Amino acid sequence: MPFSPQFFGQPKRSLAKLSEAEVLALAIGAEEEDGRIYREIAHRLAPHFAATAEVFATMAEEEEGHRRALLTLYRLKFGEHIPLVRREDVAGFTRPAALWLAPELNPEALWGLAQTMEIQAANFYALAASRSQDVAVRKLLGDLAAAERGHETRAIALQQHLLTSTTKQAEAAEAKQQIVLQVVQPGLAGLIDGSVSTLAPLFAAAMATQSSHETLLVGLAASVGAGISMGLTEGMSDDGKISGRGSPWLRGSVCGLATTVGGLGHTLPYLITDITTATVLALVVVVLELAAIAYIRWHYMKSPLLPTLLQVVLGGTLVVAVGLLLGGS
C-alpha cells in the first residue's frame, strides 16, 4: 500500500493515492465524526444557547444525510465491507480543536470551528470530485462540496447575526480567520518551540561554560536549527488544499522564522560579556516571551488566559530548571 514520504511523524496516505472505494470510506467516516461533533456541541449549548444549539443540531442532521447518501452509493458500487480510512491517516487534513470539551463553551469560537470544518470538508469533496473517474461518485462528491460550502456560508451568516456584525465586519472576520490559519497558528507553534525548546541547551551551556561567547554560539545554533526543523515540519505536514490553511511555503516560513526569533530572544543577551548579567537578562526575556505566548493564545485562540498563562509558565520553568541542573552538574 503506497504511502507519502514523511520526514517527521507517521507516514500518511496522499489523497491522490486513494482508490474510489477508499475516498468514499474516508468521506463516510468524516461525515459521521462531524455529525457527532455538531450533536455534542448542540447538547452542551442547549441549556443556555437554545437557538444556537438548534442550528448545530440541524447541521448534525444534514451531516447524517450526507453520510447516508455516501453509504448508499458505496454499497451499490463496492459492497458491504468499508475499509478503515481516517482523516488523520491522509495528508492534508487537520484535526478540529476539541472546543466542545471545554468547561465553558464560547459560541463565537464554536462558530469559527464549524466554519473551519466546513471549509475543509468542501475542499476535500471538490478535490476528490475532480479526480474521480466514476460519474456517479463524481456527481455525489460535487454535490456534497456545494452543500458544505452552503453550510460554511450559513455558519458565517448566523455568526454575523449572533454577534450583531455588519457585512463589513463579517468580511473582516473571514479575513481574520484566514490570517489565524495561515499565520497565527504556525507562528504560535514556532514561537512556543523556539522560546521553550532552546532554553535547556542555552542555560546548560551558560552554567557549564561560564562563558557568554560560547553560550551565545550554542543559543544561535539551537535557534537556527530549530527554525529550520520546525519550518520543514510545518510546510510538509499539510499542503493546504483540503484544510484551507493556505500555502505550505508561507506557513513553513512563518513557523520557521517564529521559531528562530523565539530562540534568539533569550540568546542575544549573551552578547554581554558578563555571564551573570547576561543570564539574568535572558531570564527576564524568557518571562516576557512566555507572557507573549499566553496572550497570543488567549487573544487569537480564545484560550482561557489564567490557565494558559500557568501552563506556559510551568512548561518554561521546567525546561529552564533542566538546563540549569544539567549545566551545573
Protein backbone atom coordinates (compact mmCIF):
# COMPACT_ATOMS: atom_id res chain seq x y z
CA MET A 1 0.00 0.00 0.00
CA PRO A 2 1.77 3.20 -1.13
CA PHE A 3 2.49 5.93 1.38
CA SER A 4 3.60 9.54 1.06
CA PRO A 5 7.16 10.06 2.26
CA GLN A 6 7.38 11.93 5.54
CA PHE A 7 10.42 13.17 7.41
CA PHE A 8 8.54 13.65 10.66
CA GLY A 9 5.84 11.55 12.34
CA GLN A 10 3.90 8.66 10.94
CA PRO A 11 3.60 8.33 7.15
CA LYS A 12 0.30 9.45 5.67
CA ARG A 13 -1.50 8.43 2.52
CA SER A 14 -1.85 11.00 -0.23
CA LEU A 15 -5.40 11.69 -1.37
CA ALA A 16 -4.26 11.09 -4.93
CA LYS A 17 -3.24 7.54 -3.97
CA LEU A 18 -6.63 6.57 -2.57
CA SER A 19 -8.97 4.39 -4.62
CA GLU A 20 -12.59 5.38 -5.29
CA ALA A 21 -13.68 2.99 -2.52
CA GLU A 22 -11.19 4.46 -0.05
CA VAL A 23 -12.25 8.03 -0.86
CA LEU A 24 -15.89 7.15 -0.16
CA ALA A 25 -14.90 5.30 3.01
CA LEU A 26 -12.94 8.34 4.15
CA ALA A 27 -15.92 10.59 3.43
CA ILE A 28 -18.33 8.30 5.31
CA GLY A 29 -16.16 8.32 8.42
CA ALA A 30 -15.61 12.08 8.21
CA GLU A 31 -19.33 12.84 7.94
CA GLU A 32 -20.07 10.57 10.90
CA GLU A 33 -17.44 12.25 13.06
CA ASP A 34 -18.50 15.78 12.08
CA GLY A 35 -22.13 14.93 12.83
CA ARG A 36 -21.19 13.64 16.27
CA ILE A 37 -19.20 16.82 16.94
CA TYR A 38 -22.15 19.03 15.99
CA ARG A 39 -24.55 16.93 18.10
CA GLU A 40 -22.25 17.18 21.10
CA ILE A 41 -21.97 20.95 20.66
CA ALA A 42 -25.77 21.21 20.39
CA HIS A 43 -26.21 19.13 23.55
CA ARG A 44 -23.75 21.26 25.51
CA LEU A 45 -25.18 24.58 24.27
CA ALA A 46 -28.86 23.71 24.71
CA PRO A 47 -29.30 24.85 28.35
CA HIS A 48 -28.06 28.41 27.76
CA PHE A 49 -27.93 28.97 23.97
CA ALA A 50 -31.03 27.21 22.68
CA ALA A 51 -31.17 28.95 19.28
CA THR A 52 -27.51 28.27 18.55
CA ALA A 53 -27.90 24.67 19.73
CA GLU A 54 -30.82 24.17 17.33
CA VAL A 55 -28.69 25.30 14.39
CA PHE A 56 -25.88 22.89 15.32
CA ALA A 57 -28.42 20.09 15.71
CA THR A 58 -29.73 20.85 12.21
CA MET A 59 -26.19 20.79 10.84
CA ALA A 60 -25.68 17.39 12.51
CA GLU A 61 -28.79 16.06 10.79
CA GLU A 62 -27.53 17.30 7.44
CA GLU A 63 -24.17 15.60 8.01
CA GLU A 64 -26.07 12.39 8.74
CA GLY A 65 -27.93 12.81 5.46
CA HIS A 66 -24.60 13.16 3.65
CA ARG A 67 -23.34 10.01 5.38
CA ARG A 68 -26.39 8.03 4.28
CA ALA A 69 -26.03 9.18 0.68
CA LEU A 70 -22.36 8.20 0.67
CA LEU A 71 -23.13 4.85 2.31
CA THR A 72 -25.83 4.05 -0.22
CA LEU A 73 -23.53 4.79 -3.14
CA TYR A 74 -20.67 2.85 -1.55
CA ARG A 75 -22.79 -0.27 -1.08
CA LEU A 76 -24.06 0.00 -4.63
CA LYS A 77 -20.54 0.25 -6.04
CA PHE A 78 -18.36 -1.76 -3.68
CA GLY A 79 -20.48 -3.94 -1.37
CA GLU A 80 -20.82 -4.10 2.41
CA HIS A 81 -17.20 -4.04 3.62
CA ILE A 82 -15.97 -0.48 4.24
CA PRO A 83 -12.19 -0.10 4.68
CA LEU A 84 -10.97 1.91 7.66
CA VAL A 85 -9.59 5.16 6.26
CA ARG A 86 -9.42 8.02 8.74
CA ARG A 87 -8.69 11.69 8.16
CA GLU A 88 -5.65 11.52 10.40
CA ASP A 89 -4.23 8.87 8.05
CA VAL A 90 -4.48 11.10 4.96
CA ALA A 91 -2.15 14.03 4.21
CA GLY A 92 -3.76 17.46 4.17
CA PHE A 93 -6.37 17.05 6.90
CA THR A 94 -6.15 18.85 10.23
CA ARG A 95 -7.87 17.68 13.41
CA PRO A 96 -10.52 20.08 14.74
CA ALA A 97 -9.72 21.58 18.13
CA ALA A 98 -11.86 19.83 20.77
CA LEU A 99 -13.60 23.04 21.86
CA TRP A 100 -16.75 21.08 22.75
CA LEU A 101 -14.86 19.54 25.68
CA ALA A 102 -14.09 22.90 27.30
CA PRO A 103 -15.74 23.51 30.70
CA GLU A 104 -17.22 26.78 29.41
CA LEU A 105 -18.30 26.90 25.76
CA ASN A 106 -17.69 30.02 23.69
CA PRO A 107 -20.32 30.29 20.90
CA GLU A 108 -18.10 32.62 18.87
CA ALA A 109 -15.22 30.14 18.97
CA LEU A 110 -17.60 27.28 18.09
CA TRP A 111 -18.83 29.13 15.01
CA GLY A 112 -15.21 29.58 13.96
CA LEU A 113 -14.66 25.84 14.47
CA ALA A 114 -17.73 24.98 12.37
CA GLN A 115 -16.59 27.32 9.62
CA THR A 116 -13.13 25.72 9.55
CA MET A 117 -14.63 22.21 9.45
CA GLU A 118 -16.98 23.08 6.59
CA ILE A 119 -14.19 24.72 4.57
CA GLN A 120 -12.04 21.62 4.96
CA ALA A 121 -14.91 19.31 4.02
CA ALA A 122 -15.83 21.38 0.95
CA ASN A 123 -12.21 21.48 -0.22
CA PHE A 124 -11.89 17.72 0.24
CA TYR A 125 -15.05 16.94 -1.74
CA ALA A 126 -14.15 19.35 -4.54
CA LEU A 127 -10.63 17.91 -4.85
CA ALA A 128 -11.87 14.31 -4.67
CA ALA A 129 -14.59 15.00 -7.26
CA SER A 130 -12.07 16.48 -9.68
CA ARG A 131 -10.02 13.28 -9.51
CA SER A 132 -12.87 10.76 -9.63
CA GLN A 133 -13.28 8.67 -12.79
CA ASP A 134 -16.73 7.38 -11.85
CA VAL A 135 -19.63 9.57 -12.99
CA ALA A 136 -21.91 8.77 -10.04
CA VAL A 137 -19.14 9.22 -7.50
CA ARG A 138 -18.00 12.47 -9.09
CA LYS A 139 -21.57 13.85 -9.09
CA LEU A 140 -22.20 12.99 -5.44
CA LEU A 141 -18.88 14.42 -4.30
CA GLY A 142 -19.51 17.60 -6.29
CA ASP A 143 -22.99 17.95 -4.77
CA LEU A 144 -21.54 17.47 -1.28
CA ALA A 145 -18.85 20.10 -1.94
CA ALA A 146 -21.61 22.57 -2.83
CA ALA A 147 -23.62 21.56 0.23
CA GLU A 148 -20.63 22.03 2.56
CA ARG A 149 -19.94 25.47 1.09
CA GLY A 150 -23.58 26.26 1.78
CA HIS A 151 -23.05 25.25 5.39
CA GLU A 152 -20.00 27.50 5.55
CA THR A 153 -21.96 30.46 4.21
CA ARG A 154 -24.78 29.83 6.66
CA ALA A 155 -22.36 29.49 9.59
CA ILE A 156 -20.85 32.86 8.69
CA ALA A 157 -24.31 34.43 8.35
CA LEU A 158 -25.52 33.03 11.67
CA GLN A 159 -22.34 34.05 13.43
CA GLN A 160 -22.79 37.50 11.93
CA HIS A 161 -26.35 37.64 13.29
CA LEU A 162 -25.47 36.37 16.74
CA LEU A 163 -22.59 38.78 17.10
CA THR A 164 -24.61 41.68 15.57
CA SER A 165 -21.89 42.19 12.94
CA THR A 166 -22.29 44.24 9.79
CA THR A 167 -21.39 42.84 6.38
CA LYS A 168 -18.09 44.65 6.52
CA GLN A 169 -17.33 43.14 9.92
CA ALA A 170 -18.24 39.68 8.62
CA GLU A 171 -15.77 40.07 5.76
CA ALA A 172 -13.15 41.25 8.22
CA ALA A 173 -13.88 38.22 10.43
CA GLU A 174 -13.40 35.86 7.49
CA ALA A 175 -10.12 37.57 6.60
CA LYS A 176 -9.03 37.32 10.23
CA GLN A 177 -9.83 33.60 10.21
CA GLN A 178 -7.52 33.12 7.24
CA ILE A 179 -4.77 35.07 8.98
CA VAL A 180 -5.21 32.88 12.05
CA LEU A 181 -4.98 29.69 9.97
CA GLN A 182 -2.09 30.76 7.74
CA VAL A 183 -0.01 32.99 10.02
CA VAL A 184 -1.01 32.98 13.68
CA GLN A 185 -1.28 29.20 14.21
CA PRO A 186 2.05 28.27 12.57
CA GLY A 187 3.69 31.35 14.06
CA LEU A 188 2.48 30.46 17.54
CA ALA A 189 3.66 26.86 17.17
CA GLY A 190 7.08 28.14 16.12
CA LEU A 191 7.25 30.74 18.86
CA ILE A 192 6.41 28.15 21.52
CA ASP A 193 9.01 25.73 20.21
CA GLY A 194 11.72 28.37 19.84
CA SER A 195 11.03 30.00 23.18
CA VAL A 196 10.83 26.74 25.14
CA SER A 197 12.91 24.04 23.45
CA THR A 198 16.07 26.18 23.24
CA LEU A 199 16.02 27.09 26.93
CA ALA A 200 17.61 23.87 28.20
CA PRO A 201 20.70 23.87 25.92
CA LEU A 202 21.18 27.62 26.37
CA PHE A 203 21.16 27.66 30.17
CA ALA A 204 23.04 24.37 30.38
CA ALA A 205 25.80 25.94 28.27
CA ALA A 206 25.79 29.06 30.45
CA MET A 207 26.19 27.05 33.64
CA ALA A 208 28.72 24.61 32.21
CA THR A 209 31.00 27.03 30.36
CA GLN A 210 30.55 30.25 32.34
CA SER A 211 31.30 31.94 29.02
CA SER A 212 28.92 34.36 27.33
CA HIS A 213 30.55 33.82 23.93
CA GLU A 214 30.24 30.04 23.99
CA THR A 215 26.70 30.26 25.35
CA LEU A 216 25.83 32.67 22.55
CA LEU A 217 27.09 30.21 19.94
CA VAL A 218 25.04 27.38 21.47
CA GLY A 219 21.94 29.57 21.51
CA LEU A 220 22.42 30.69 17.91
CA ALA A 221 22.91 27.12 16.71
CA ALA A 222 19.87 25.86 18.65
CA SER A 223 17.65 28.71 17.42
CA VAL A 224 18.57 28.44 13.76
CA GLY A 225 18.49 24.64 13.80
CA ALA A 226 15.09 24.59 15.50
CA GLY A 227 13.81 27.16 13.00
CA ILE A 228 14.82 25.01 10.03
CA SER A 229 13.34 21.88 11.61
CA MET A 230 10.01 23.49 12.54
CA GLY A 231 9.74 25.23 9.16
CA LEU A 232 10.16 21.95 7.31
CA THR A 233 7.75 20.15 9.64
CA GLU A 234 5.00 22.74 9.21
CA GLY A 235 5.48 23.09 5.47
CA MET A 236 5.44 19.34 4.84
CA SER A 237 2.61 18.48 7.23
CA ASP A 238 -0.20 19.91 5.10
CA ASP A 239 -0.39 21.24 1.53
CA GLY A 240 -3.37 23.43 2.45
CA LYS A 241 -5.63 22.17 -0.33
CA ILE A 242 -8.03 20.39 2.00
CA SER A 243 -7.58 22.22 5.28
CA GLY A 244 -7.77 25.68 3.68
CA ARG A 245 -4.67 26.76 5.60
CA GLY A 246 -3.03 28.23 2.52
CA SER A 247 0.44 27.91 1.06
CA PRO A 248 2.75 25.46 2.86
CA TRP A 249 5.65 27.73 1.89
CA LEU A 250 4.06 30.65 3.75
CA ARG A 251 3.19 28.61 6.81
CA GLY A 252 6.58 26.90 6.88
CA SER A 253 8.38 30.23 6.55
CA VAL A 254 6.28 31.84 9.28
CA CYS A 255 6.75 28.87 11.61
CA GLY A 256 10.50 28.65 10.97
CA LEU A 257 11.04 32.39 11.40
CA ALA A 258 8.96 32.49 14.60
CA THR A 259 10.90 29.55 16.00
CA THR A 260 14.22 31.26 15.31
CA VAL A 261 13.01 34.56 16.77
CA GLY A 262 11.71 32.76 19.86
CA GLY A 263 15.14 31.24 20.44
CA LEU A 264 17.09 34.40 19.65
CA GLY A 265 15.14 36.47 22.16
CA HIS A 266 16.83 34.89 25.17
CA THR A 267 20.08 34.17 23.30
CA LEU A 268 21.05 37.73 22.36
CA PRO A 269 21.57 38.85 25.99
CA TYR A 270 24.74 36.74 25.87
CA LEU A 271 26.29 39.41 23.70
CA ILE A 272 27.02 40.89 27.15
CA THR A 273 30.39 39.58 28.28
CA ASP A 274 29.46 39.31 31.97
CA ILE A 275 27.83 35.89 32.25
CA THR A 276 25.77 36.71 35.36
CA THR A 277 24.29 39.89 33.88
CA ALA A 278 23.59 38.13 30.59
CA THR A 279 21.84 35.22 32.32
CA VAL A 280 19.64 37.47 34.47
CA LEU A 281 18.65 39.48 31.38
CA ALA A 282 17.99 36.25 29.46
CA LEU A 283 15.66 35.07 32.24
CA VAL A 284 13.77 38.37 32.09
CA VAL A 285 13.37 37.93 28.32
CA VAL A 286 12.09 34.38 28.88
CA VAL A 287 9.35 35.70 31.18
CA LEU A 288 8.32 38.25 28.53
CA GLU A 289 8.31 35.55 25.82
CA LEU A 290 6.11 33.24 27.87
CA ALA A 291 3.71 36.10 28.64
CA ALA A 292 3.53 36.94 24.92
CA ILE A 293 2.73 33.30 24.07
CA ALA A 294 -0.05 33.21 26.66
CA TYR A 295 -1.50 36.46 25.32
CA ILE A 296 -1.48 35.26 21.71
CA ARG A 297 -3.24 32.00 22.69
CA TRP A 298 -5.83 33.99 24.65
CA HIS A 299 -6.39 36.66 22.00
CA TYR A 300 -6.47 34.53 18.85
CA MET A 301 -7.28 31.01 20.05
CA LYS A 302 -9.81 32.04 22.71
CA SER A 303 -7.95 30.02 25.35
CA PRO A 304 -8.69 31.00 28.99
CA LEU A 305 -5.97 33.46 29.98
CA LEU A 306 -5.09 32.29 33.50
CA PRO A 307 -4.88 28.52 32.78
CA THR A 308 -2.95 29.28 29.59
CA LEU A 309 -0.52 31.51 31.47
CA LEU A 310 0.00 28.87 34.14
CA GLN A 311 0.60 26.13 31.56
CA VAL A 312 3.12 28.18 29.60
CA VAL A 313 4.99 29.39 32.70
CA LEU A 314 5.11 25.88 34.18
CA GLY A 315 6.47 24.41 30.95
CA GLY A 316 9.09 27.13 30.57
CA THR A 317 10.15 26.87 34.20
CA LEU A 318 10.64 23.10 33.93
CA VAL A 319 12.81 23.44 30.82
CA VAL A 320 14.92 26.23 32.36
CA ALA A 321 15.37 24.11 35.51
CA VAL A 322 16.52 21.14 33.43
CA GLY A 323 19.09 23.30 31.66
CA LEU A 324 20.43 24.81 34.89
CA LEU A 325 20.62 21.44 36.64
CA LEU A 326 22.39 19.70 33.74
CA GLY A 327 24.76 22.59 33.23
CA GLY A 328 25.70 22.74 36.87
CA SER A 329 26.20 19.00 37.28
